[in-house]
Amino acid sequence: MVNTGGTTKRAFVVSGLCSVFAIGNLISPQMFQARDAPEYRPAKIAVMATQAGAIVTVFCTFLYLVWQNKKRRTSQLGEGDVSMDRQTWVRMTDLENKAFRYSY
């Protein structure tokens, strides 16, 4: 949530993550079927595939955030100090606020 600017956008990101977490908790027990006991091979393959997908997603997100920070740093080199009051800072999203820096 630290990499999301703007209160409305942050609320949507949090609710989306909670929804995906809940859906995963509903689906995952259905993967472990009694007919696959005792090895549960299809479920283990599904777990490994989703974990591999998560690793790839996290790595691609990391590369994207590094790229965005470099792009924002080079675009602000000649602009001077960007100062805003707190209300303006809170209302702007991370895409609108060019002084926003992503953390990783």
N, C-alpha and C. Protein backbone atom coordinates (compact mmCIF):
# COMPACT_ATOMS: atom_id res chain seq x y z
N MET A 1 0.80 -1.18 0.00
CA MET A 1 0.00 0.00 0.00
C MET A 1 0.86 1.26 0.00
N VAL A 2 2.11 1.12 0.36
CA VAL A 2 2.99 2.29 0.39
C VAL A 2 3.28 2.80 -1.01
N ASN A 3 3.10 1.99 -2.01
CA ASN A 3 3.38 2.40 -3.39
C ASN A 3 2.13 2.85 -4.13
N THR A 4 1.14 3.30 -3.38
CA THR A 4 -0.09 3.80 -3.98
C THR A 4 -0.37 5.17 -3.39
N GLY A 5 -0.52 6.16 -4.24
CA GLY A 5 -0.82 7.50 -3.79
C GLY A 5 -2.29 7.82 -3.97
N GLY A 6 -2.83 8.63 -3.08
CA GLY A 6 -4.24 9.01 -3.14
C GLY A 6 -5.08 8.10 -2.28
N THR A 7 -5.95 8.68 -1.51
CA THR A 7 -6.72 7.89 -0.55
C THR A 7 -7.73 6.97 -1.24
N THR A 8 -8.39 7.43 -2.27
CA THR A 8 -9.37 6.59 -2.96
C THR A 8 -8.69 5.43 -3.67
N LYS A 9 -7.60 5.72 -4.34
CA LYS A 9 -6.87 4.66 -5.05
C LYS A 9 -6.32 3.64 -4.05
N ARG A 10 -5.83 4.10 -2.92
CA ARG A 10 -5.31 3.20 -1.90
C ARG A 10 -6.42 2.30 -1.35
N ALA A 11 -7.61 2.85 -1.15
CA ALA A 11 -8.74 2.05 -0.66
C ALA A 11 -9.11 0.96 -1.65
N PHE A 12 -9.11 1.30 -2.94
CA PHE A 12 -9.42 0.29 -3.96
C PHE A 12 -8.34 -0.79 -4.03
N VAL A 13 -7.09 -0.41 -3.87
CA VAL A 13 -6.01 -1.40 -3.89
C VAL A 13 -6.14 -2.35 -2.71
N VAL A 14 -6.41 -1.82 -1.54
CA VAL A 14 -6.56 -2.66 -0.35
C VAL A 14 -7.75 -3.59 -0.49
N SER A 15 -8.87 -3.09 -0.97
CA SER A 15 -10.05 -3.95 -1.13
C SER A 15 -9.81 -5.00 -2.21
N GLY A 16 -9.09 -4.66 -3.26
CA GLY A 16 -8.76 -5.64 -4.29
C GLY A 16 -7.87 -6.75 -3.76
N LEU A 17 -6.87 -6.38 -2.97
CA LEU A 17 -5.99 -7.40 -2.38
C LEU A 17 -6.75 -8.30 -1.42
N CYS A 18 -7.64 -7.73 -0.63
CA CYS A 18 -8.45 -8.54 0.29
C CYS A 18 -9.37 -9.48 -0.48
N SER A 19 -9.92 -9.02 -1.59
CA SER A 19 -10.79 -9.86 -2.40
C SER A 19 -10.03 -11.03 -3.01
N VAL A 20 -8.86 -10.75 -3.54
CA VAL A 20 -8.05 -11.82 -4.14
C VAL A 20 -7.63 -12.83 -3.07
N PHE A 21 -7.29 -12.35 -1.89
CA PHE A 21 -6.92 -13.23 -0.78
C PHE A 21 -8.11 -14.13 -0.41
N ALA A 22 -9.31 -13.56 -0.33
CA ALA A 22 -10.49 -14.33 0.03
C ALA A 22 -10.82 -15.37 -1.04
N ILE A 23 -10.69 -14.99 -2.30
CA ILE A 23 -10.95 -15.94 -3.40
C ILE A 23 -9.95 -17.09 -3.35
N GLY A 24 -8.70 -16.78 -3.08
CA GLY A 24 -7.70 -17.83 -2.95
C GLY A 24 -8.00 -18.77 -1.80
N ASN A 25 -8.49 -18.23 -0.70
CA ASN A 25 -8.85 -19.07 0.44
C ASN A 25 -10.08 -19.93 0.16
N LEU A 26 -10.95 -19.49 -0.72
CA LEU A 26 -12.10 -20.31 -1.10
C LEU A 26 -11.72 -21.41 -2.08
N ILE A 27 -10.81 -21.11 -3.00
CA ILE A 27 -10.46 -22.06 -4.05
C ILE A 27 -9.45 -23.11 -3.57
N SER A 28 -8.49 -22.70 -2.77
CA SER A 28 -7.39 -23.61 -2.42
C SER A 28 -7.83 -24.91 -1.74
N PRO A 29 -8.79 -24.94 -0.83
CA PRO A 29 -9.17 -26.24 -0.27
C PRO A 29 -9.79 -27.18 -1.30
N GLN A 30 -10.36 -26.62 -2.36
CA GLN A 30 -10.98 -27.45 -3.39
C GLN A 30 -9.94 -28.17 -4.23
N MET A 31 -8.69 -27.73 -4.17
CA MET A 31 -7.63 -28.38 -4.94
C MET A 31 -7.23 -29.72 -4.35
N PHE A 32 -7.38 -29.87 -3.06
CA PHE A 32 -6.98 -31.10 -2.37
C PHE A 32 -8.17 -32.06 -2.33
N GLN A 33 -8.28 -32.90 -3.34
CA GLN A 33 -9.39 -33.84 -3.47
C GLN A 33 -9.01 -35.17 -2.82
N ALA A 34 -10.02 -35.86 -2.28
CA ALA A 34 -9.79 -37.14 -1.60
C ALA A 34 -9.28 -38.19 -2.59
N ARG A 35 -9.69 -38.11 -3.83
CA ARG A 35 -9.25 -39.11 -4.82
C ARG A 35 -7.75 -39.01 -5.12
N ASP A 36 -7.12 -37.87 -4.81
CA ASP A 36 -5.70 -37.69 -5.05
C ASP A 36 -4.83 -38.07 -3.85
N ALA A 37 -5.46 -38.49 -2.75
CA ALA A 37 -4.71 -38.83 -1.54
C ALA A 37 -3.84 -40.05 -1.81
N PRO A 38 -2.73 -40.24 -1.18
CA PRO A 38 -2.11 -39.42 -0.14
C PRO A 38 -1.10 -38.42 -0.69
N GLU A 39 -0.82 -38.45 -1.99
CA GLU A 39 0.22 -37.56 -2.54
C GLU A 39 -0.31 -36.18 -2.92
N TYR A 40 -1.56 -36.08 -3.31
CA TYR A 40 -2.17 -34.81 -3.73
C TYR A 40 -1.32 -34.11 -4.80
N ARG A 41 -0.92 -34.87 -5.78
CA ARG A 41 -0.03 -34.34 -6.82
C ARG A 41 -0.61 -33.14 -7.59
N PRO A 42 -1.86 -33.18 -8.06
CA PRO A 42 -2.39 -32.00 -8.78
C PRO A 42 -2.41 -30.74 -7.91
N ALA A 43 -2.73 -30.88 -6.66
CA ALA A 43 -2.76 -29.72 -5.76
C ALA A 43 -1.36 -29.17 -5.54
N LYS A 44 -0.39 -30.04 -5.38
CA LYS A 44 0.99 -29.58 -5.18
C LYS A 44 1.51 -28.88 -6.44
N ILE A 45 1.14 -29.39 -7.60
CA ILE A 45 1.55 -28.74 -8.84
C ILE A 45 0.91 -27.36 -8.95
N ALA A 46 -0.36 -27.26 -8.59
CA ALA A 46 -1.05 -25.97 -8.63
C ALA A 46 -0.42 -24.98 -7.66
N VAL A 47 -0.06 -25.43 -6.46
CA VAL A 47 0.58 -24.56 -5.48
C VAL A 47 1.93 -24.08 -6.00
N MET A 48 2.71 -24.98 -6.55
CA MET A 48 4.02 -24.60 -7.08
C MET A 48 3.88 -23.63 -8.26
N ALA A 49 2.88 -23.85 -9.10
CA ALA A 49 2.68 -22.96 -10.26
C ALA A 49 2.28 -21.56 -9.80
N THR A 50 1.38 -21.48 -8.82
CA THR A 50 0.98 -20.15 -8.35
C THR A 50 2.12 -19.44 -7.63
N GLN A 51 2.94 -20.19 -6.91
CA GLN A 51 4.08 -19.57 -6.25
C GLN A 51 5.11 -19.09 -7.27
N ALA A 52 5.33 -19.86 -8.30
CA ALA A 52 6.26 -19.43 -9.36
C ALA A 52 5.71 -18.18 -10.06
N GLY A 53 4.40 -18.15 -10.29
CA GLY A 53 3.79 -16.96 -10.89
C GLY A 53 3.93 -15.75 -9.99
N ALA A 54 3.81 -15.94 -8.69
CA ALA A 54 3.96 -14.84 -7.74
C ALA A 54 5.39 -14.31 -7.75
N ILE A 55 6.36 -15.20 -7.84
CA ILE A 55 7.76 -14.78 -7.87
C ILE A 55 8.03 -13.95 -9.13
N VAL A 56 7.54 -14.40 -10.27
CA VAL A 56 7.73 -13.66 -11.52
C VAL A 56 7.04 -12.30 -11.44
N THR A 57 5.83 -12.26 -10.88
CA THR A 57 5.09 -11.00 -10.75
C THR A 57 5.82 -10.01 -9.85
N VAL A 58 6.33 -10.49 -8.72
CA VAL A 58 7.05 -9.61 -7.80
C VAL A 58 8.33 -9.08 -8.45
N PHE A 59 9.04 -9.92 -9.17
CA PHE A 59 10.27 -9.48 -9.83
C PHE A 59 9.98 -8.44 -10.91
N CYS A 60 8.93 -8.68 -11.71
CA CYS A 60 8.57 -7.71 -12.76
C CYS A 60 8.10 -6.40 -12.14
N THR A 61 7.38 -6.47 -11.04
CA THR A 61 6.95 -5.25 -10.35
C THR A 61 8.15 -4.48 -9.82
N PHE A 62 9.12 -5.18 -9.26
CA PHE A 62 10.34 -4.55 -8.77
C PHE A 62 11.05 -3.81 -9.91
N LEU A 63 11.21 -4.46 -11.05
CA LEU A 63 11.87 -3.82 -12.19
C LEU A 63 11.09 -2.60 -12.67
N TYR A 64 9.77 -2.70 -12.69
CA TYR A 64 8.94 -1.57 -13.11
C TYR A 64 9.08 -0.38 -12.15
N LEU A 65 9.10 -0.64 -10.84
CA LEU A 65 9.22 0.44 -9.87
C LEU A 65 10.60 1.11 -9.94
N VAL A 66 11.64 0.32 -10.15
CA VAL A 66 12.98 0.90 -10.32
C VAL A 66 13.01 1.78 -11.56
N TRP A 67 12.43 1.30 -12.65
CA TRP A 67 12.38 2.07 -13.89
C TRP A 67 11.59 3.37 -13.71
N GLN A 68 10.45 3.30 -13.03
CA GLN A 68 9.64 4.50 -12.80
C GLN A 68 10.39 5.53 -11.94
N ASN A 69 11.09 5.07 -10.90
CA ASN A 69 11.85 6.00 -10.07
C ASN A 69 12.97 6.67 -10.86
N LYS A 70 13.65 5.91 -11.71
CA LYS A 70 14.71 6.51 -12.53
C LYS A 70 14.13 7.52 -13.50
N LYS A 71 13.01 7.20 -14.09
CA LYS A 71 12.36 8.10 -15.04
C LYS A 71 11.90 9.39 -14.34
N ARG A 72 11.36 9.27 -13.16
CA ARG A 72 10.91 10.46 -12.42
C ARG A 72 12.09 11.30 -11.95
N ARG A 73 13.17 10.64 -11.58
CA ARG A 73 14.35 11.38 -11.13
C ARG A 73 14.95 12.19 -12.27
N THR A 74 15.04 11.60 -13.45
CA THR A 74 15.62 12.33 -14.58
C THR A 74 14.68 13.43 -15.09
N SER A 75 13.37 13.26 -14.94
CA SER A 75 12.44 14.28 -15.41
C SER A 75 12.39 15.48 -14.47
N GLN A 76 12.85 15.34 -13.23
CA GLN A 76 12.80 16.43 -12.26
C GLN A 76 14.13 17.12 -12.07
N LEU A 77 15.15 16.79 -12.82
CA LEU A 77 16.48 17.33 -12.57
C LEU A 77 16.54 18.84 -12.67
N GLY A 78 15.83 19.46 -13.55
CA GLY A 78 15.93 20.90 -13.70
C GLY A 78 14.77 21.68 -13.12
N GLU A 79 13.83 21.00 -12.46
CA GLU A 79 12.61 21.67 -12.05
C GLU A 79 12.70 22.36 -10.70
N GLY A 80 13.68 22.09 -9.90
CA GLY A 80 13.78 22.72 -8.58
C GLY A 80 12.96 21.98 -7.54
N ASP A 81 12.72 22.64 -6.42
CA ASP A 81 12.01 22.02 -5.31
C ASP A 81 10.51 22.04 -5.56
N VAL A 82 9.90 20.88 -5.45
CA VAL A 82 8.46 20.77 -5.60
C VAL A 82 7.86 20.67 -4.21
N SER A 83 7.19 21.74 -3.77
CA SER A 83 6.59 21.71 -2.44
C SER A 83 5.08 21.83 -2.57
N MET A 84 4.39 21.02 -1.78
CA MET A 84 2.93 21.02 -1.80
C MET A 84 2.44 20.96 -0.36
N ASP A 85 1.24 21.47 -0.15
CA ASP A 85 0.66 21.29 1.18
C ASP A 85 0.17 19.86 1.33
N ARG A 86 -0.10 19.46 2.54
CA ARG A 86 -0.45 18.08 2.84
C ARG A 86 -1.72 17.62 2.12
N GLN A 87 -2.73 18.48 2.04
CA GLN A 87 -3.99 18.10 1.40
C GLN A 87 -3.79 17.81 -0.09
N THR A 88 -2.98 18.61 -0.73
CA THR A 88 -2.71 18.38 -2.15
C THR A 88 -1.95 17.08 -2.34
N TRP A 89 -0.98 16.83 -1.48
CA TRP A 89 -0.17 15.61 -1.56
C TRP A 89 -1.04 14.36 -1.37
N VAL A 90 -1.97 14.40 -0.42
CA VAL A 90 -2.80 13.24 -0.11
C VAL A 90 -3.79 12.96 -1.23
N ARG A 91 -4.30 13.97 -1.87
CA ARG A 91 -5.32 13.78 -2.91
C ARG A 91 -4.75 13.31 -4.24
N MET A 92 -3.49 13.57 -4.51
CA MET A 92 -2.90 13.18 -5.79
C MET A 92 -2.53 11.71 -5.79
N THR A 93 -2.75 11.04 -6.91
CA THR A 93 -2.35 9.65 -7.02
C THR A 93 -0.86 9.58 -7.34
N ASP A 94 -0.32 8.40 -7.31
CA ASP A 94 1.10 8.23 -7.61
C ASP A 94 1.41 8.55 -9.06
N LEU A 95 0.44 8.44 -9.94
CA LEU A 95 0.67 8.79 -11.35
C LEU A 95 0.63 10.29 -11.58
N GLU A 96 -0.19 11.00 -10.80
CA GLU A 96 -0.30 12.45 -10.95
C GLU A 96 0.85 13.19 -10.28
N ASN A 97 1.31 12.69 -9.16
CA ASN A 97 2.33 13.35 -8.36
C ASN A 97 3.72 12.94 -8.86
N LYS A 98 4.38 13.83 -9.56
CA LYS A 98 5.70 13.50 -10.12
C LYS A 98 6.80 13.49 -9.06
N ALA A 99 6.51 13.99 -7.86
CA ALA A 99 7.48 13.93 -6.76
C ALA A 99 7.35 12.63 -5.97
N PHE A 100 6.35 11.82 -6.27
CA PHE A 100 6.13 10.55 -5.57
C PHE A 100 7.23 9.57 -5.96
N ARG A 101 7.78 8.89 -4.98
CA ARG A 101 8.80 7.86 -5.24
C ARG A 101 8.31 6.53 -4.70
N TYR A 102 8.46 5.51 -5.52
CA TYR A 102 8.07 4.16 -5.12
C TYR A 102 9.16 3.56 -4.23
N SER A 103 8.75 2.78 -3.25
CA SER A 103 9.72 2.11 -2.39
C SER A 103 9.74 0.62 -2.72
N TYR A 104 10.86 0.02 -2.54
CA TYR A 104 11.01 -1.41 -2.81
C TYR A 104 12.06 -2.00 -1.89
